Amino acid sequence: MNATPSQSRKRWLWLAMGLALVLLVVFWVFIKKPPAPEAAPAAGPKPSLTVTVAKPERSSLPIRLQANGNITAWQEASVGAELNGLRLASVNVNVGDVVRKGQVLAEFARETTQADSLQSRASLAQAEASFENAKADADRARSIQDSGALSASQVAQYLTQEKVARAQLEAAKAVLSATEVRLGNTKVHAPDDGVISARGATVGAVVSAGQELFRLVRQSRMEWRGEVTPSEVGRIRTGQKVQITAATGLEIAGQVRAIAPSADPQTRNILVFVDLPRHADLKAGTFAKGFFELGQSEALTVPSESLVVRDGSNYVFVIDPQGKASQRKVQTGRRAGERVEVLEGLKLEEPVAVQGAGFLNEADLVKVVK
């Protein structure tokens, strides 16, 4: 059966639409293929550490001269026995005791000196009676010497007896004073305020005159005797401030009192005497170091935390704008608080790592944070 013209047109229409659909699919698959995604850029090296940085600063630092020396007593008083052959009855103080001027440190047995004192008093009373009698006779002789009742020799005799009696009275007074002094010396008194540094007194011991019983640090004052070389002593002046660091770690301020006029023949060093304030932790005979304050000067400084000590040398790590660390050897000088002077190896505009510097190595890449 032959198709009608209308059916033929429909058939061709459907064929055309199918062909168009096929062409559209081919175009979409092959010609409109979506572009491949761009490759991500290659990732660079990542920072290994996080650090803080700081630039060097110009600071005013003190100029100091360091010296070593010993802490000694400012003055020591030797307290000895003034009596001979007496027994120590009591000792009232020990080493380390703080005493006041006039305080009784020890006492001797008083029996013998008390007996001598009583005997001297009796001799004085006898001398006073003899003098009064002689004076009365001399007064009568003077009153009648012009009357002729007594010869000139008799008058002279009475006057001479008065003078002898007067001399005997004065001698008796002197003997009594001596025995009173001897009796007073049975008590040993502190010659000044201070602290007992040595004791040689023992209860029951019979001592001789002049024997040392105690040593006393006068007024409990200590001084530091620093040793400086002849080339350094010219920079020191009386009245300069000195910062002393004792062996216990105690830091205390002193002042130069005097400079020795000559050097020690063995060490060739010169002693500088520095007065120290009273402090219970200062012990005579201990070592201490001191810093003489000579003024101030400008210096390039960095935080002390930025310094890294390796193989006996000091280093800092300079951080460039890309975060790369460069190890730099530096020469350090003075220290003041948390700042350290850099003498060589660093410029003012170069930032250095602070926190975390001790973990860095050459060429490490770091992240800088505030």
Protein backbone atom coordinates (compact mmCIF):
# COMPACT_ATOMS: atom_id res chain seq x y z
CA MET A 1 0.00 0.00 0.00
CA ASN A 2 1.42 3.33 -1.03
CA ALA A 3 1.81 6.02 1.69
CA THR A 4 -0.07 9.20 1.33
CA PRO A 5 1.84 12.47 0.97
CA SER A 6 0.91 13.53 4.50
CA GLN A 7 2.33 10.34 5.97
CA SER A 8 5.57 10.78 4.04
CA ARG A 9 6.01 14.26 5.43
CA LYS A 10 5.50 13.06 8.99
CA ARG A 11 8.07 10.28 8.49
CA TRP A 12 10.66 12.73 7.21
CA LEU A 13 9.90 15.08 10.06
CA TRP A 14 10.53 12.42 12.65
CA LEU A 15 13.77 11.40 10.95
CA ALA A 16 14.94 14.99 10.94
CA MET A 17 14.14 15.41 14.61
CA GLY A 18 15.99 12.20 15.51
CA LEU A 19 19.02 13.26 13.49
CA ALA A 20 19.03 16.67 15.20
CA LEU A 21 18.89 15.00 18.60
CA VAL A 22 21.83 12.72 17.70
CA LEU A 23 23.86 15.69 16.48
CA LEU A 24 23.10 17.62 19.69
CA VAL A 25 24.33 14.70 21.86
CA VAL A 26 27.51 14.36 19.78
CA PHE A 27 28.15 18.09 20.02
CA TRP A 28 27.67 18.09 23.79
CA VAL A 29 29.92 15.07 24.40
CA PHE A 30 32.78 15.86 22.07
CA ILE A 31 32.71 19.53 21.34
CA LYS A 32 31.33 21.07 24.62
CA LYS A 33 33.39 18.83 26.92
CA PRO A 34 33.99 20.75 30.16
CA PRO A 35 37.59 21.85 30.66
CA ALA A 36 39.73 19.84 33.05
CA PRO A 37 40.17 21.51 36.43
CA GLU A 38 43.36 23.49 36.79
CA ALA A 39 46.07 21.82 38.78
CA ALA A 40 46.59 23.32 42.26
CA PRO A 41 49.84 25.23 42.63
CA ALA A 42 52.65 23.25 44.21
CA ALA A 43 52.70 23.81 47.98
CA GLY A 44 55.86 25.51 49.31
CA PRO A 45 57.75 24.52 52.50
CA LYS A 46 55.76 25.05 55.65
CA PRO A 47 57.12 26.92 58.70
CA SER A 48 58.69 24.58 61.26
CA LEU A 49 58.31 26.80 64.37
CA THR A 50 56.45 29.81 65.68
CA VAL A 51 58.58 32.60 67.16
CA THR A 52 58.38 36.16 68.33
CA VAL A 53 60.85 38.74 67.08
CA ALA A 54 62.28 41.99 68.36
CA LYS A 55 64.61 44.55 66.89
CA PRO A 56 67.77 45.64 68.72
CA GLU A 57 67.43 48.84 70.71
CA ARG A 58 69.70 51.63 71.82
CA SER A 59 69.75 51.62 75.62
CA SER A 60 71.64 53.48 78.32
CA LEU A 61 73.59 50.93 80.36
CA PRO A 62 75.71 51.45 83.48
CA ILE A 63 79.48 51.26 83.17
CA ARG A 64 80.73 48.85 85.81
CA LEU A 65 84.10 47.63 87.01
CA GLN A 66 83.98 44.13 88.49
CA ALA A 67 86.25 43.05 91.34
CA ASN A 68 86.48 40.21 93.84
CA GLY A 69 87.18 40.37 97.53
CA ASN A 70 86.23 39.32 101.05
CA ILE A 71 83.75 40.60 103.59
CA THR A 72 85.47 41.47 106.86
CA ALA A 73 84.65 43.23 110.10
CA TRP A 74 84.87 47.02 109.88
CA GLN A 75 86.77 47.06 113.19
CA GLU A 76 87.31 44.37 115.81
CA ALA A 77 87.84 45.20 119.46
CA SER A 78 89.90 42.89 121.65
CA VAL A 79 88.40 42.58 125.13
CA GLY A 80 91.01 41.31 127.59
CA ALA A 81 91.64 40.81 131.30
CA GLU A 82 93.07 43.77 133.22
CA LEU A 83 93.73 41.73 136.37
CA ASN A 84 96.33 39.10 137.02
CA GLY A 85 95.82 35.80 138.78
CA LEU A 86 92.05 35.97 139.32
CA ARG A 87 89.57 33.21 138.58
CA LEU A 88 86.71 33.69 136.09
CA ALA A 89 83.50 33.24 138.04
CA SER A 90 81.00 33.66 135.18
CA VAL A 91 80.87 34.20 131.43
CA ASN A 92 77.67 35.87 130.24
CA VAL A 93 77.91 35.88 126.43
CA ASN A 94 78.70 33.54 123.56
CA VAL A 95 79.84 33.95 119.97
CA GLY A 96 77.17 35.66 117.89
CA ASP A 97 75.53 37.51 120.77
CA VAL A 98 74.71 41.16 120.15
CA VAL A 99 75.87 43.32 123.06
CA ARG A 100 75.56 46.94 124.10
CA LYS A 101 78.30 49.27 125.26
CA GLY A 102 78.96 48.79 128.99
CA GLN A 103 77.25 45.39 129.16
CA VAL A 104 78.91 42.92 131.56
CA LEU A 105 80.48 40.14 129.50
CA ALA A 106 82.21 38.19 132.29
CA GLU A 107 83.01 38.46 136.01
CA PHE A 108 86.05 37.46 138.10
CA ALA A 109 85.93 36.22 141.66
CA ARG A 110 85.80 39.34 143.89
CA GLU A 111 86.82 38.05 147.34
CA THR A 112 90.47 39.06 147.17
CA THR A 113 89.87 42.49 145.67
CA GLN A 114 87.04 43.18 148.14
CA ALA A 115 89.39 42.41 151.04
CA ASP A 116 92.01 44.74 149.56
CA SER A 117 89.38 47.42 149.23
CA LEU A 118 88.36 47.11 152.88
CA GLN A 119 91.98 47.30 153.99
CA SER A 120 92.53 50.41 151.89
CA ARG A 121 89.48 52.05 153.42
CA ALA A 122 90.81 51.34 156.90
CA SER A 123 94.20 52.79 155.99
CA LEU A 124 92.47 55.87 154.62
CA ALA A 125 90.51 56.35 157.82
CA GLN A 126 93.72 56.06 159.86
CA ALA A 127 95.46 58.57 157.60
CA GLU A 128 92.56 61.00 157.91
CA ALA A 129 92.74 60.81 161.74
CA SER A 130 96.49 61.35 161.73
CA PHE A 131 96.14 64.32 159.41
CA GLU A 132 93.44 65.93 161.56
CA ASN A 133 95.62 65.58 164.65
CA ALA A 134 98.70 66.95 162.90
CA LYS A 135 96.68 69.81 161.42
CA ALA A 136 95.31 70.76 164.83
CA ASP A 137 98.85 70.86 166.31
CA ALA A 138 100.11 72.88 163.37
CA ASP A 139 97.23 75.37 163.71
CA ARG A 140 98.01 75.91 167.43
CA ALA A 141 101.70 76.32 166.65
CA ARG A 142 100.94 78.93 163.98
CA SER A 143 98.65 80.83 166.36
CA ILE A 144 101.30 81.17 169.11
CA GLN A 145 104.52 81.24 167.12
CA ASP A 146 104.86 85.04 167.59
CA SER A 147 104.27 84.84 171.36
CA GLY A 148 107.56 83.10 172.09
CA ALA A 149 105.89 80.15 173.84
CA LEU A 150 107.36 77.78 171.27
CA SER A 151 110.75 77.86 169.73
CA ALA A 152 111.10 78.20 165.97
CA SER A 153 112.25 74.59 165.68
CA GLN A 154 109.18 73.34 167.53
CA VAL A 155 106.88 75.33 165.26
CA ALA A 156 108.68 73.98 162.19
CA GLN A 157 108.33 70.45 163.54
CA TYR A 158 104.55 70.79 163.93
CA LEU A 159 104.21 72.25 160.45
CA THR A 160 106.32 69.41 159.01
CA GLN A 161 104.20 66.79 160.75
CA GLU A 162 101.13 68.36 159.16
CA LYS A 163 102.65 68.09 155.69
CA VAL A 164 103.67 64.47 156.29
CA ALA A 165 100.18 63.60 157.52
CA ARG A 166 98.66 65.31 154.47
CA ALA A 167 100.91 63.30 152.12
CA GLN A 168 100.03 60.08 153.94
CA LEU A 169 96.33 60.93 153.54
CA GLU A 170 96.72 61.51 149.81
CA ALA A 171 98.66 58.25 149.48
CA ALA A 172 95.89 56.38 151.30
CA LYS A 173 93.31 57.90 148.96
CA ALA A 174 95.36 56.80 145.94
CA VAL A 175 95.67 53.27 147.30
CA LEU A 176 91.91 53.14 147.84
CA SER A 177 91.27 54.42 144.32
CA ALA A 178 93.56 51.74 142.92
CA THR A 179 91.80 48.99 144.85
CA GLU A 180 88.42 50.37 143.74
CA VAL A 181 89.58 50.28 140.12
CA ARG A 182 90.85 46.75 140.64
CA LEU A 183 87.51 45.80 142.17
CA GLY A 184 85.67 47.35 139.22
CA ASN A 185 87.86 45.43 136.78
CA THR A 186 86.52 42.18 138.14
CA LYS A 187 83.64 42.86 135.75
CA VAL A 188 84.53 42.78 132.03
CA HIS A 189 82.46 45.33 130.10
CA ALA A 190 81.80 45.67 126.38
CA PRO A 191 83.78 48.66 125.04
CA ASP A 192 81.22 49.36 122.29
CA ASP A 193 78.00 48.13 120.70
CA GLY A 194 78.54 45.12 118.48
CA VAL A 195 78.48 41.36 118.13
CA ILE A 196 80.79 38.81 119.76
CA SER A 197 82.96 37.24 117.05
CA ALA A 198 85.29 35.14 119.24
CA ARG A 199 85.39 33.93 122.84
CA GLY A 200 88.39 32.70 124.78
CA ALA A 201 86.92 33.00 128.27
CA THR A 202 86.22 29.82 130.24
CA VAL A 203 84.53 29.68 133.61
CA GLY A 204 87.02 28.66 136.33
CA ALA A 205 90.12 29.64 134.37
CA VAL A 206 92.77 31.75 136.09
CA VAL A 207 93.90 34.33 133.55
CA SER A 208 96.80 36.72 133.38
CA ALA A 209 96.63 40.45 132.72
CA GLY A 210 96.26 41.25 129.03
CA GLN A 211 94.91 37.85 128.04
CA GLU A 212 92.18 38.17 125.38
CA LEU A 213 88.78 36.98 126.54
CA PHE A 214 86.52 38.14 123.67
CA ARG A 215 86.65 39.71 120.23
CA LEU A 216 83.92 42.17 119.33
CA VAL A 217 82.83 43.39 115.88
CA ARG A 218 82.29 47.05 116.63
CA GLN A 219 78.79 48.33 115.90
CA SER A 220 78.15 45.07 113.97
CA ARG A 221 79.50 46.81 110.87
CA MET A 222 81.02 44.92 107.96
CA GLU A 223 83.08 46.08 105.04
CA TRP A 224 84.04 44.61 101.69
CA ARG A 225 87.68 44.67 100.70
CA GLY A 226 87.81 44.47 96.92
CA GLU A 227 91.01 43.79 95.00
CA VAL A 228 91.67 45.85 91.88
CA THR A 229 94.71 46.11 89.64
CA PRO A 230 96.87 49.25 89.51
CA SER A 231 95.50 50.02 86.03
CA GLU A 232 91.91 49.95 87.34
CA VAL A 233 92.31 51.80 90.63
CA GLY A 234 92.51 55.17 88.86
CA ARG A 235 88.85 54.84 87.85
CA ILE A 236 87.69 54.50 91.46
CA ARG A 237 86.93 57.43 93.75
CA THR A 238 86.00 57.72 97.41
CA GLY A 239 82.22 57.88 97.76
CA GLN A 240 81.46 55.82 94.64
CA LYS A 241 78.56 53.37 94.80
CA VAL A 242 79.35 49.67 94.73
CA GLN A 243 76.91 46.80 94.19
CA ILE A 244 77.99 43.81 96.28
CA THR A 245 76.84 40.23 95.68
CA ALA A 246 77.60 37.97 98.65
CA ALA A 247 78.22 34.23 98.48
CA THR A 248 74.65 33.66 99.71
CA GLY A 249 73.28 35.56 96.71
CA LEU A 250 72.42 38.62 98.77
CA GLU A 251 72.77 41.86 96.79
CA ILE A 252 73.51 44.96 98.80
CA ALA A 253 74.70 48.48 98.00
CA GLY A 254 77.92 49.84 99.49
CA GLN A 255 80.07 52.94 99.26
CA VAL A 256 83.82 53.33 98.82
CA ARG A 257 85.32 54.52 102.11
CA ALA A 258 89.03 54.38 101.39
CA ILE A 259 91.63 53.11 98.92
CA ALA A 260 94.81 51.47 100.19
CA PRO A 261 97.91 53.59 99.56
CA SER A 262 100.00 50.60 98.49
CA ALA A 263 99.60 47.29 96.69
CA ASP A 264 99.78 43.86 98.25
CA PRO A 265 103.36 42.57 97.74
CA GLN A 266 102.16 39.09 96.81
CA THR A 267 99.17 39.73 94.54
CA ARG A 268 100.18 43.22 93.37
CA ASN A 269 96.54 44.21 93.74
CA ILE A 270 95.26 47.24 95.62
CA LEU A 271 92.57 46.96 98.30
CA VAL A 272 89.47 49.14 98.13
CA PHE A 273 87.54 49.44 101.40
CA VAL A 274 83.77 49.59 100.94
CA ASP A 275 81.38 50.33 103.79
CA LEU A 276 78.35 48.02 103.94
CA PRO A 277 75.03 48.59 105.71
CA ARG A 278 74.20 46.33 108.63
CA HIS A 279 72.63 43.05 107.54
CA ALA A 280 72.29 39.76 109.41
CA ASP A 281 73.30 37.70 106.33
CA LEU A 282 76.70 39.36 106.01
CA LYS A 283 79.38 37.10 107.49
CA ALA A 284 82.99 38.07 108.04
CA GLY A 285 85.50 36.01 106.07
CA THR A 286 83.15 35.14 103.20
CA PHE A 287 83.80 35.80 99.52
CA ALA A 288 81.87 38.41 97.57
CA LYS A 289 82.09 40.11 94.20
CA GLY A 290 81.40 43.75 93.58
CA PHE A 291 80.62 46.13 90.73
CA PHE A 292 81.86 49.71 90.93
CA GLU A 293 79.41 52.14 89.31
CA LEU A 294 81.45 54.34 86.93
CA GLY A 295 78.63 56.05 84.99
CA GLN A 296 76.47 55.17 81.94
CA SER A 297 76.85 54.90 78.17
CA GLU A 298 74.73 54.08 75.10
CA ALA A 299 74.75 50.48 73.84
CA LEU A 300 73.02 48.23 71.28
CA THR A 301 70.95 45.72 73.28
CA VAL A 302 68.72 42.70 72.63
CA PRO A 303 66.47 40.71 74.96
CA SER A 304 68.46 38.16 76.95
CA GLU A 305 65.99 35.47 75.81
CA SER A 306 67.15 35.91 72.22
CA LEU A 307 70.69 34.75 73.02
CA VAL A 308 71.50 31.10 72.30
CA VAL A 309 74.70 29.63 73.74
CA ARG A 310 76.23 26.86 71.61
CA ASP A 311 79.77 25.48 71.81
CA GLY A 312 80.75 28.19 74.23
CA SER A 313 79.72 31.07 71.94
CA ASN A 314 76.70 33.38 71.86
CA TYR A 315 74.38 33.42 68.85
CA VAL A 316 71.17 35.13 67.76
CA PHE A 317 68.85 34.18 64.88
CA VAL A 318 68.09 36.98 62.46
CA ILE A 319 64.65 36.58 60.78
CA ASP A 320 64.33 37.92 57.20
CA PRO A 321 61.01 39.12 55.65
CA GLN A 322 60.34 35.63 54.24
CA GLY A 323 60.56 34.10 57.73
CA LYS A 324 63.94 32.45 57.19
CA ALA A 325 66.24 32.20 60.22
CA SER A 326 69.95 32.97 59.91
CA GLN A 327 72.28 32.08 62.75
CA ARG A 328 74.57 34.98 63.69
CA LYS A 329 77.50 34.82 66.10
CA VAL A 330 77.65 37.87 68.40
CA GLN A 331 79.95 39.26 71.06
CA THR A 332 78.10 40.31 74.19
CA GLY A 333 79.00 42.84 76.85
CA ARG A 334 77.10 44.35 79.75
CA ARG A 335 73.80 43.13 81.15
CA ALA A 336 71.04 45.23 82.66
CA GLY A 337 67.90 43.43 83.72
CA GLU A 338 66.50 41.56 80.71
CA ARG A 339 68.70 43.39 78.19
CA VAL A 340 72.14 42.32 76.95
CA GLU A 341 74.65 44.51 75.15
CA VAL A 342 75.78 43.32 71.70
CA LEU A 343 79.26 44.54 70.82
CA GLU A 344 79.73 42.84 67.43
CA GLY A 345 77.77 40.77 64.91
CA LEU A 346 74.40 42.53 64.71
CA LYS A 347 72.94 45.69 63.17
CA LEU A 348 70.25 47.94 64.60
CA GLU A 349 67.63 47.18 61.90
CA GLU A 350 67.95 43.37 61.97
CA PRO A 351 65.08 41.65 63.87
CA VAL A 352 66.03 38.63 65.97
CA ALA A 353 64.00 35.69 67.26
CA VAL A 354 63.12 35.94 70.96
CA GLN A 355 60.69 33.28 72.16
CA GLY A 356 61.59 29.96 70.57
CA ALA A 357 65.10 31.05 69.56
CA GLY A 358 66.67 28.16 71.43
CA PHE A 359 64.99 25.60 69.13
CA LEU A 360 66.08 27.13 65.81
CA ASN A 361 68.75 26.03 63.36
CA GLU A 362 70.31 27.68 60.34
CA ALA A 363 67.86 28.28 57.44
CA ASP A 364 64.77 27.19 59.41
CA LEU A 365 61.51 28.70 58.15
CA VAL A 366 59.47 30.21 60.99
CA LYS A 367 56.12 31.82 61.52
CA VAL A 368 56.34 35.17 63.26
CA VAL A 369 53.65 35.99 65.79
CA LYS A 370 53.18 38.94 68.10
